[in-house]
PDB file of all heavy atoms in Angstrom:
ATOM      1  N   GLU A   1       0.833  -1.209   0.000  1.00  0.00           N
ATOM      2  CA  GLU A   1       0.000   0.000   0.000  1.00  0.00           C
ATOM      3  C   GLU A   1       0.864   1.255   0.000  1.00  0.00           C
ATOM      4  O   GLU A   1       0.553   2.227  -0.695  1.00  0.00           O
ATOM      5  CB  GLU A   1      -0.921   0.020   1.222  1.00  0.00           C
ATOM      6  CG  GLU A   1      -2.103  -0.909   1.110  1.00  0.00           C
ATOM      7  CD  GLU A   1      -3.028  -0.787   2.299  1.00  0.00           C
ATOM      8  OE1 GLU A   1      -2.864   0.136   3.119  1.00  0.00           O
ATOM      9  OE2 GLU A   1      -3.945  -1.625   2.404  1.00  0.00           O
ATOM     10  N   LEU A   2       1.926   1.246   0.792  1.00  0.00           N
ATOM     11  CA  LEU A   2       2.839   2.390   0.807  1.00  0.00           C
ATOM     12  C   LEU A   2       3.445   2.607  -0.574  1.00  0.00           C
ATOM     13  O   LEU A   2       3.530   3.739  -1.062  1.00  0.00           O
ATOM     14  CB  LEU A   2       3.938   2.180   1.846  1.00  0.00           C
ATOM     15  CG  LEU A   2       3.490   2.126   3.308  1.00  0.00           C
ATOM     16  CD1 LEU A   2       4.655   1.725   4.202  1.00  0.00           C
ATOM     17  CD2 LEU A   2       2.915   3.445   3.746  1.00  0.00           C
ATOM     18  N   ALA A   3       3.841   1.512  -1.219  1.00  0.00           N
ATOM     19  CA  ALA A   3       4.426   1.608  -2.561  1.00  0.00           C
ATOM     20  C   ALA A   3       3.393   2.090  -3.574  1.00  0.00           C
ATOM     21  O   ALA A   3       3.707   2.907  -4.450  1.00  0.00           O
ATOM     22  CB  ALA A   3       4.993   0.260  -2.983  1.00  0.00           C
ATOM     23  N   ALA A   4       2.155   1.616  -3.455  1.00  0.00           N
ATOM     24  CA  ALA A   4       1.106   2.050  -4.381  1.00  0.00           C
ATOM     25  C   ALA A   4       0.817   3.533  -4.206  1.00  0.00           C
ATOM     26  O   ALA A   4       0.617   4.259  -5.193  1.00  0.00           O
ATOM     27  CB  ALA A   4      -0.168   1.232  -4.156  1.00  0.00           C
ATOM     28  N   GLY A   5       0.817   4.007  -2.963  1.00  0.00           N
ATOM     29  CA  GLY A   5       0.595   5.431  -2.714  1.00  0.00           C
ATOM     30  C   GLY A   5       1.705   6.282  -3.297  1.00  0.00           C
ATOM     31  O   GLY A   5       1.456   7.300  -3.944  1.00  0.00           O
ATOM     32  N   LEU A   6       2.940   5.849  -3.088  1.00  0.00           N
ATOM     33  CA  LEU A   6       4.072   6.595  -3.654  1.00  0.00           C
ATOM     34  C   LEU A   6       4.051   6.557  -5.176  1.00  0.00           C
ATOM     35  O   LEU A   6       4.342   7.562  -5.837  1.00  0.00           O
ATOM     36  CB  LEU A   6       5.399   6.031  -3.140  1.00  0.00           C
ATOM     37  CG  LEU A   6       5.758   6.422  -1.718  1.00  0.00           C
ATOM     38  CD1 LEU A   6       7.021   5.699  -1.262  1.00  0.00           C
ATOM     39  CD2 LEU A   6       5.945   7.918  -1.600  1.00  0.00           C
ATOM     40  N   HIS A   7       3.712   5.410  -5.742  1.00  0.00           N
ATOM     41  CA  HIS A   7       3.668   5.307  -7.202  1.00  0.00           C
ATOM     42  C   HIS A   7       2.617   6.252  -7.791  1.00  0.00           C
ATOM     43  O   HIS A   7       2.856   6.890  -8.821  1.00  0.00           O
ATOM     44  CB  HIS A   7       3.391   3.862  -7.619  1.00  0.00           C
ATOM     45  CG  HIS A   7       3.543   3.628  -9.081  1.00  0.00           C
ATOM     46  ND1 HIS A   7       4.762   3.612  -9.704  1.00  0.00           N
ATOM     47  CD2 HIS A   7       2.621   3.429 -10.050  1.00  0.00           C
ATOM     48  CE1 HIS A   7       4.588   3.408 -11.001  1.00  0.00           C
ATOM     49  NE2 HIS A   7       3.295   3.297 -11.233  1.00  0.00           N
ATOM     50  N   ALA A   8       1.472   6.366  -7.124  1.00  0.00           N
ATOM     51  CA  ALA A   8       0.434   7.295  -7.589  1.00  0.00           C
ATOM     52  C   ALA A   8       0.939   8.738  -7.543  1.00  0.00           C
ATOM     53  O   ALA A   8       0.702   9.524  -8.470  1.00  0.00           O
ATOM     54  CB  ALA A   8      -0.831   7.138  -6.756  1.00  0.00           C
ATOM     55  N   VAL A   9       1.649   9.081  -6.478  1.00  0.00           N
ATOM     56  CA  VAL A   9       2.225  10.429  -6.368  1.00  0.00           C
ATOM     57  C   VAL A   9       3.265  10.648  -7.467  1.00  0.00           C
ATOM     58  O   VAL A   9       3.317  11.711  -8.090  1.00  0.00           O
ATOM     59  CB  VAL A   9       2.828  10.645  -4.965  1.00  0.00           C
ATOM     60  CG1 VAL A   9       3.658  11.910  -4.911  1.00  0.00           C
ATOM     61  CG2 VAL A   9       1.730  10.690  -3.921  1.00  0.00           C
ATOM     62  N   PHE A  10       4.096   9.629  -7.720  1.00  0.00           N
ATOM     63  CA  PHE A  10       5.116   9.754  -8.761  1.00  0.00           C
ATOM     64  C   PHE A  10       4.493   9.919 -10.143  1.00  0.00           C
ATOM     65  O   PHE A  10       5.022  10.643 -10.988  1.00  0.00           O
ATOM     66  CB  PHE A  10       6.055   8.547  -8.743  1.00  0.00           C
ATOM     67  CG  PHE A  10       6.870   8.412  -7.485  1.00  0.00           C
ATOM     68  CD1 PHE A  10       7.429   7.201  -7.142  1.00  0.00           C
ATOM     69  CD2 PHE A  10       7.079   9.498  -6.631  1.00  0.00           C
ATOM     70  CE1 PHE A  10       8.190   7.064  -5.992  1.00  0.00           C
ATOM     71  CE2 PHE A  10       7.823   9.375  -5.478  1.00  0.00           C
ATOM     72  CZ  PHE A  10       8.385   8.145  -5.160  1.00  0.00           C
ATOM     73  N   LEU A  11       3.383   9.242 -10.394  1.00  0.00           N
ATOM     74  CA  LEU A  11       2.687   9.411 -11.676  1.00  0.00           C
ATOM     75  C   LEU A  11       2.169  10.840 -11.832  1.00  0.00           C
ATOM     76  O   LEU A  11       2.284  11.433 -12.914  1.00  0.00           O
ATOM     77  CB  LEU A  11       1.533   8.416 -11.800  1.00  0.00           C
ATOM     78  CG  LEU A  11       1.928   6.980 -12.108  1.00  0.00           C
ATOM     79  CD1 LEU A  11       0.718   6.060 -11.972  1.00  0.00           C
ATOM     80  CD2 LEU A  11       2.534   6.870 -13.489  1.00  0.00           C
ATOM     81  N   LEU A  12       1.599  11.385 -10.760  1.00  0.00           N
ATOM     82  CA  LEU A  12       1.127  12.769 -10.805  1.00  0.00           C
ATOM     83  C   LEU A  12       2.294  13.725 -11.003  1.00  0.00           C
ATOM     84  O   LEU A  12       2.198  14.674 -11.785  1.00  0.00           O
ATOM     85  CB  LEU A  12       0.356  13.117  -9.539  1.00  0.00           C
ATOM     86  CG  LEU A  12      -0.185  14.543  -9.447  1.00  0.00           C
ATOM     87  CD1 LEU A  12      -1.114  14.857 -10.617  1.00  0.00           C
ATOM     88  CD2 LEU A  12      -0.889  14.759  -8.116  1.00  0.00           C
ATOM     89  N   LEU A  13       3.400  13.471 -10.322  1.00  0.00           N
ATOM     90  CA  LEU A  13       4.594  14.295 -10.488  1.00  0.00           C
ATOM     91  C   LEU A  13       5.074  14.266 -11.935  1.00  0.00           C
ATOM     92  O   LEU A  13       5.442  15.300 -12.502  1.00  0.00           O
ATOM     93  CB  LEU A  13       5.710  13.817  -9.558  1.00  0.00           C
ATOM     94  CG  LEU A  13       7.050  14.528  -9.687  1.00  0.00           C
ATOM     95  CD1 LEU A  13       6.926  15.987  -9.278  1.00  0.00           C
ATOM     96  CD2 LEU A  13       8.099  13.831  -8.861  1.00  0.00           C
ATOM     97  N   PHE A  14       5.044  13.096 -12.557  1.00  0.00           N
ATOM     98  CA  PHE A  14       5.433  12.987 -13.963  1.00  0.00           C
ATOM     99  C   PHE A  14       4.508  13.829 -14.840  1.00  0.00           C
ATOM    100  O   PHE A  14       4.968  14.561 -15.721  1.00  0.00           O
ATOM    101  CB  PHE A  14       5.400  11.521 -14.411  1.00  0.00           C
ATOM    102  CG  PHE A  14       5.587  11.346 -15.890  1.00  0.00           C
ATOM    103  CD1 PHE A  14       6.825  11.551 -16.476  1.00  0.00           C
ATOM    104  CD2 PHE A  14       4.524  10.983 -16.695  1.00  0.00           C
ATOM    105  CE1 PHE A  14       6.994  11.396 -17.845  1.00  0.00           C
ATOM    106  CE2 PHE A  14       4.685  10.825 -18.058  1.00  0.00           C
ATOM    107  CZ  PHE A  14       5.930  11.038 -18.636  1.00  0.00           C
ATOM    108  N   GLY A  15       3.205  13.767 -14.591  1.00  0.00           N
ATOM    109  CA  GLY A  15       2.257  14.572 -15.366  1.00  0.00           C
ATOM    110  C   GLY A  15       2.523  16.065 -15.220  1.00  0.00           C
ATOM    111  O   GLY A  15       2.489  16.818 -16.202  1.00  0.00           O
ATOM    112  N   ILE A  16       2.812  16.490 -14.009  1.00  0.00           N
ATOM    113  CA  ILE A  16       3.114  17.904 -13.771  1.00  0.00           C
ATOM    114  C   ILE A  16       4.419  18.291 -14.461  1.00  0.00           C
ATOM    115  O   ILE A  16       4.519  19.374 -15.054  1.00  0.00           O
ATOM    116  CB  ILE A  16       3.169  18.191 -12.259  1.00  0.00           C
ATOM    117  CG1 ILE A  16       1.771  18.057 -11.657  1.00  0.00           C
ATOM    118  CG2 ILE A  16       3.750  19.570 -11.979  1.00  0.00           C
ATOM    119  CD1 ILE A  16       1.745  18.063 -10.143  1.00  0.00           C
ATOM    120  N   ALA A  17       5.419  17.409 -14.408  1.00  0.00           N
ATOM    121  CA  ALA A  17       6.707  17.698 -15.054  1.00  0.00           C
ATOM    122  C   ALA A  17       6.545  17.822 -16.569  1.00  0.00           C
ATOM    123  O   ALA A  17       7.140  18.712 -17.194  1.00  0.00           O
ATOM    124  CB  ALA A  17       7.727  16.613 -14.710  1.00  0.00           C
ATOM    125  N   VAL A  18       5.740  16.965 -17.155  1.00  0.00           N
ATOM    126  CA  VAL A  18       5.500  17.041 -18.607  1.00  0.00           C
ATOM    127  C   VAL A  18       4.733  18.319 -18.950  1.00  0.00           C
ATOM    128  O   VAL A  18       5.066  19.016 -19.921  1.00  0.00           O
ATOM    129  CB  VAL A  18       4.751  15.782 -19.105  1.00  0.00           C
ATOM    130  CG1 VAL A  18       4.248  15.962 -20.523  1.00  0.00           C
ATOM    131  CG2 VAL A  18       5.652  14.567 -19.010  1.00  0.00           C
ATOM    132  N   ALA A  19       3.725  18.663 -18.156  1.00  0.00           N
ATOM    133  CA  ALA A  19       2.977  19.903 -18.398  1.00  0.00           C
ATOM    134  C   ALA A  19       3.894  21.113 -18.285  1.00  0.00           C
ATOM    135  O   ALA A  19       3.809  22.047 -19.089  1.00  0.00           O
ATOM    136  CB  ALA A  19       1.811  20.020 -17.420  1.00  0.00           C
ATOM    137  N   ASN A  20       4.785  21.098 -17.304  1.00  0.00           N
ATOM    138  CA  ASN A  20       5.758  22.182 -17.162  1.00  0.00           C
ATOM    139  C   ASN A  20       6.669  22.254 -18.376  1.00  0.00           C
ATOM    140  O   ASN A  20       6.958  23.345 -18.885  1.00  0.00           O
ATOM    141  CB  ASN A  20       6.585  21.991 -15.891  1.00  0.00           C
ATOM    142  CG  ASN A  20       7.626  23.061 -15.734  1.00  0.00           C
ATOM    143  OD1 ASN A  20       7.306  24.237 -15.585  1.00  0.00           O
ATOM    144  ND2 ASN A  20       8.886  22.669 -15.789  1.00  0.00           N
ATOM    145  N   MET A  21       7.125  21.117 -18.849  1.00  0.00           N
ATOM    146  CA  MET A  21       8.009  21.080 -20.020  1.00  0.00           C
ATOM    147  C   MET A  21       7.298  21.673 -21.242  1.00  0.00           C
ATOM    148  O   MET A  21       7.893  22.450 -21.990  1.00  0.00           O
ATOM    149  CB  MET A  21       8.418  19.634 -20.288  1.00  0.00           C
ATOM    150  CG  MET A  21       9.332  19.461 -21.449  1.00  0.00           C
ATOM    151  SD  MET A  21      10.971  19.996 -21.016  1.00  0.00           S
ATOM    152  CE  MET A  21      11.855  19.441 -22.424  1.00  0.00           C
ATOM    153  N   LEU A  22       6.043  21.331 -21.427  1.00  0.00           N
ATOM    154  CA  LEU A  22       5.288  21.879 -22.558  1.00  0.00           C
ATOM    155  C   LEU A  22       5.102  23.391 -22.413  1.00  0.00           C
ATOM    156  O   LEU A  22       5.219  24.133 -23.392  1.00  0.00           O
ATOM    157  CB  LEU A  22       3.936  21.183 -22.678  1.00  0.00           C
ATOM    158  CG  LEU A  22       3.993  19.700 -23.057  1.00  0.00           C
ATOM    159  CD1 LEU A  22       2.608  19.083 -22.983  1.00  0.00           C
ATOM    160  CD2 LEU A  22       4.620  19.507 -24.426  1.00  0.00           C
ATOM    161  N   ALA A  23       4.829  23.861 -21.196  1.00  0.00           N
ATOM    162  CA  ALA A  23       4.671  25.300 -20.970  1.00  0.00           C
ATOM    163  C   ALA A  23       5.976  26.042 -21.208  1.00  0.00           C
ATOM    164  O   ALA A  23       5.986  27.137 -21.784  1.00  0.00           O
ATOM    165  CB  ALA A  23       4.177  25.556 -19.550  1.00  0.00           C
ATOM    166  N   VAL A  24       7.078  25.448 -20.804  1.00  0.00           N
ATOM    167  CA  VAL A  24       8.392  26.075 -20.980  1.00  0.00           C
ATOM    168  C   VAL A  24       8.740  26.196 -22.466  1.00  0.00           C
ATOM    169  O   VAL A  24       9.384  27.154 -22.886  1.00  0.00           O
ATOM    170  CB  VAL A  24       9.460  25.258 -20.213  1.00  0.00           C
ATOM    171  CG1 VAL A  24      10.863  25.554 -20.680  1.00  0.00           C
ATOM    172  CG2 VAL A  24       9.332  25.512 -18.727  1.00  0.00           C
ATOM    173  N   MET A  25       8.290  25.248 -23.246  1.00  0.00           N
ATOM    174  CA  MET A  25       8.567  25.296 -24.687  1.00  0.00           C
ATOM    175  C   MET A  25       7.894  26.509 -25.339  1.00  0.00           C
ATOM    176  O   MET A  25       8.313  26.952 -26.408  1.00  0.00           O
ATOM    177  CB  MET A  25       8.094  24.012 -25.372  1.00  0.00           C
ATOM    178  CG  MET A  25       8.782  22.759 -24.865  1.00  0.00           C
ATOM    179  SD  MET A  25      10.547  22.763 -25.108  1.00  0.00           S
ATOM    180  CE  MET A  25      10.640  22.383 -26.824  1.00  0.00           C
ATOM    181  N   LEU A  26       6.874  27.066 -24.689  1.00  0.00           N
ATOM    182  CA  LEU A  26       6.165  28.227 -25.228  1.00  0.00           C
ATOM    183  C   LEU A  26       6.820  29.556 -24.860  1.00  0.00           C
ATOM    184  O   LEU A  26       6.371  30.608 -25.325  1.00  0.00           O
ATOM    185  CB  LEU A  26       4.714  28.224 -24.750  1.00  0.00           C
ATOM    186  CG  LEU A  26       3.868  27.034 -25.196  1.00  0.00           C
ATOM    187  CD1 LEU A  26       2.496  27.081 -24.539  1.00  0.00           C
ATOM    188  CD2 LEU A  26       3.757  26.984 -26.705  1.00  0.00           C
ATOM    189  N   LEU A  27       7.850  29.507 -24.017  1.00  0.00           N
ATOM    190  CA  LEU A  27       8.536  30.750 -23.658  1.00  0.00           C
ATOM    191  C   LEU A  27       9.152  31.392 -24.902  1.00  0.00           C
ATOM    192  O   LEU A  27       9.680  30.694 -25.763  1.00  0.00           O
ATOM    193  CB  LEU A  27       9.659  30.474 -22.644  1.00  0.00           C
ATOM    194  CG  LEU A  27       9.261  30.230 -21.211  1.00  0.00           C
ATOM    195  CD1 LEU A  27      10.485  29.823 -20.402  1.00  0.00           C
ATOM    196  CD2 LEU A  27       8.624  31.454 -20.606  1.00  0.00           C
ATOM    197  N   PRO A  28       9.096  32.718 -24.991  1.00  0.00           N
ATOM    198  CA  PRO A  28       9.729  33.373 -26.147  1.00  0.00           C
ATOM    199  C   PRO A  28      11.251  33.310 -26.041  1.00  0.00           C
ATOM    200  O   PRO A  28      11.815  33.163 -24.961  1.00  0.00           O
ATOM    201  CB  PRO A  28       9.235  34.818 -26.043  1.00  0.00           C
ATOM    202  CG  PRO A  28       8.891  35.003 -24.615  1.00  0.00           C
ATOM    203  CD  PRO A  28       8.451  33.669 -24.102  1.00  0.00           C
ATOM    204  N   LYS A  29      11.907  33.413 -27.180  1.00  0.00           N
ATOM    205  CA  LYS A  29      13.374  33.438 -27.194  1.00  0.00           C
ATOM    206  C   LYS A  29      13.859  34.763 -26.626  1.00  0.00           C
ATOM    207  O   LYS A  29      13.141  35.754 -26.621  1.00  0.00           O
ATOM    208  CB  LYS A  29      13.887  33.240 -28.614  1.00  0.00           C
ATOM    209  CG  LYS A  29      13.564  31.875 -29.149  1.00  0.00           C
ATOM    210  CD  LYS A  29      14.139  31.681 -30.529  1.00  0.00           C
ATOM    211  CE  LYS A  29      13.809  30.271 -30.994  1.00  0.00           C
ATOM    212  NZ  LYS A  29      14.233  29.999 -32.327  1.00  0.00           N
ATOM    213  N   ARG A  30      15.092  34.781 -26.166  1.00  0.00           N
ATOM    214  CA  ARG A  30      15.655  35.971 -25.532  1.00  0.00           C
ATOM    215  C   ARG A  30      15.619  37.172 -26.473  1.00  0.00           C
ATOM    216  O   ARG A  30      15.262  38.265 -26.065  1.00  0.00           O
ATOM    217  CB  ARG A  30      17.083  35.698 -25.071  1.00  0.00           C
ATOM    218  CG  ARG A  30      17.727  36.923 -24.448  1.00  0.00           C
ATOM    219  CD  ARG A  30      18.992  36.573 -23.714  1.00  0.00           C
ATOM    220  NE  ARG A  30      19.724  37.721 -23.275  1.00  0.00           N
ATOM    221  CZ  ARG A  30      19.409  38.472 -22.223  1.00  0.00           C
ATOM    222  NH1 ARG A  30      18.343  38.189 -21.522  1.00  0.00           N
ATOM    223  NH2 ARG A  30      20.148  39.503 -21.884  1.00  0.00           N
ATOM    224  N   ARG A  31      15.955  36.987 -27.717  1.00  0.00           N
ATOM    225  CA  ARG A  31      15.962  38.130 -28.643  1.00  0.00           C
ATOM    226  C   ARG A  31      14.557  38.690 -28.833  1.00  0.00           C
ATOM    227  O   ARG A  31      14.373  39.890 -28.985  1.00  0.00           O
ATOM    228  CB  ARG A  31      16.622  37.753 -29.960  1.00  0.00           C
ATOM    229  CG  ARG A  31      15.854  36.773 -30.775  1.00  0.00           C
ATOM    230  CD  ARG A  31      16.527  36.478 -32.111  1.00  0.00           C
ATOM    231  NE  ARG A  31      16.153  35.123 -32.473  1.00  0.00           N
ATOM    232  CZ  ARG A  31      16.994  34.176 -32.770  1.00  0.00           C
ATOM    233  NH1 ARG A  31      18.258  34.411 -32.799  1.00  0.00           N
ATOM    234  NH2 ARG A  31      16.561  32.979 -33.066  1.00  0.00           N
ATOM    235  N   ASN A  32      13.536  37.824 -28.805  1.00  0.00           N
ATOM    236  CA  ASN A  32      12.159  38.307 -28.912  1.00  0.00           C
ATOM    237  C   ASN A  32      11.761  39.096 -27.667  1.00  0.00           C
ATOM    238  O   ASN A  32      11.065  40.110 -27.764  1.00  0.00           O
ATOM    239  CB  ASN A  32      11.194  37.142 -29.108  1.00  0.00           C
ATOM    240  CG  ASN A  32      11.392  36.434 -30.434  1.00  0.00           C
ATOM    241  OD1 ASN A  32      12.119  36.904 -31.302  1.00  0.00           O
ATOM    242  ND2 ASN A  32      10.759  35.292 -30.577  1.00  0.00           N
ATOM    243  N   MET A  33      12.210  38.633 -26.498  1.00  0.00           N
ATOM    244  CA  MET A  33      11.910  39.365 -25.255  1.00  0.00           C
ATOM    245  C   MET A  33      12.601  40.721 -25.264  1.00  0.00           C
ATOM    246  O   MET A  33      12.013  41.723 -24.867  1.00  0.00           O
ATOM    247  CB  MET A  33      12.366  38.557 -24.031  1.00  0.00           C
ATOM    248  CG  MET A  33      11.476  37.386 -23.710  1.00  0.00           C
ATOM    249  SD  MET A  33      11.828  36.625 -22.108  1.00  0.00           S
ATOM    250  CE  MET A  33      13.542  36.193 -22.240  1.00  0.00           C
ATOM    251  N   MET A  34      13.836  40.750 -25.715  1.00  0.00           N
ATOM    252  CA  MET A  34      14.580  42.013 -25.742  1.00  0.00           C
ATOM    253  C   MET A  34      13.949  42.987 -26.734  1.00  0.00           C
ATOM    254  O   MET A  34      13.839  44.176 -26.447  1.00  0.00           O
ATOM    255  CB  MET A  34      16.052  41.762 -26.098  1.00  0.00           C
ATOM    256  CG  MET A  34      16.807  40.933 -25.070  1.00  0.00           C
ATOM    257  SD  MET A  34      16.730  41.583 -23.396  1.00  0.00           S
ATOM    258  CE  MET A  34      17.764  43.008 -23.579  1.00  0.00           C
ATOM    259  N   ALA A  35      13.537  42.487 -27.905  1.00  0.00           N
ATOM    260  CA  ALA A  35      12.895  43.344 -28.896  1.00  0.00           C
ATOM    261  C   ALA A  35      11.574  43.897 -28.352  1.00  0.00           C
ATOM    262  O   ALA A  35      11.259  45.088 -28.549  1.00  0.00           O
ATOM    263  CB  ALA A  35      12.651  42.580 -30.185  1.00  0.00           C
ATOM    264  N   GLN A  36      10.832  43.073 -27.657  1.00  0.00           N
ATOM    265  CA  GLN A  36       9.554  43.515 -27.086  1.00  0.00           C
ATOM    266  C   GLN A  36       9.800  44.551 -26.000  1.00  0.00           C
ATOM    267  O   GLN A  36       9.079  45.544 -25.914  1.00  0.00           O
ATOM    268  CB  GLN A  36       8.802  42.320 -26.492  1.00  0.00           C
ATOM    269  CG  GLN A  36       7.478  42.690 -25.867  1.00  0.00           C
ATOM    270  CD  GLN A  36       6.808  41.479 -25.213  1.00  0.00           C
ATOM    271  OE1 GLN A  36       7.369  40.401 -25.135  1.00  0.00           O
ATOM    272  NE2 GLN A  36       5.601  41.697 -24.743  1.00  0.00           N
ATOM    273  N   GLN A  37      10.823  44.355 -25.181  1.00  0.00           N
ATOM    274  CA  GLN A  37      11.113  45.304 -24.116  1.00  0.00           C
ATOM    275  C   GLN A  37      11.553  46.649 -24.682  1.00  0.00           C
ATOM    276  O   GLN A  37      11.158  47.691 -24.196  1.00  0.00           O
ATOM    277  CB  GLN A  37      12.192  44.725 -23.192  1.00  0.00           C
ATOM    278  CG  GLN A  37      12.366  45.528 -21.933  1.00  0.00           C
ATOM    279  CD  GLN A  37      13.357  44.863 -20.981  1.00  0.00           C
ATOM    280  OE1 GLN A  37      14.210  44.101 -21.407  1.00  0.00           O
ATOM    281  NE2 GLN A  37      13.226  45.164 -19.714  1.00  0.00           N
ATOM    282  N   GLN A  38      12.361  46.621 -25.730  1.00  0.00           N
ATOM    283  CA  GLN A  38      12.809  47.882 -26.350  1.00  0.00           C
ATOM    284  C   GLN A  38      11.670  48.596 -27.033  1.00  0.00           C
ATOM    285  O   GLN A  38      11.586  49.821 -27.004  1.00  0.00           O
ATOM    286  CB  GLN A  38      13.944  47.599 -27.331  1.00  0.00           C
ATOM    287  CG  GLN A  38      15.233  47.223 -26.645  1.00  0.00           C
ATOM    288  CD  GLN A  38      16.316  46.827 -27.634  1.00  0.00           C
ATOM    289  OE1 GLN A  38      16.085  46.727 -28.828  1.00  0.00           O
ATOM    290  NE2 GLN A  38      17.521  46.592 -27.110  1.00  0.00           N
TER     291      GLN A  38
END
C-alpha cells in the first residue's frame, strides 16, 4: 500500500513535469523578449 501510494504520487509528479516542459517550450526566445522590451 505504501508503494502504491508513492507510485500514484510519482505518476502525478510525472504529469506535472510534462505539463511544465510543454509550458516552458512556449517561452519566447531571448531576442524576442529584448525586442519587445525595447
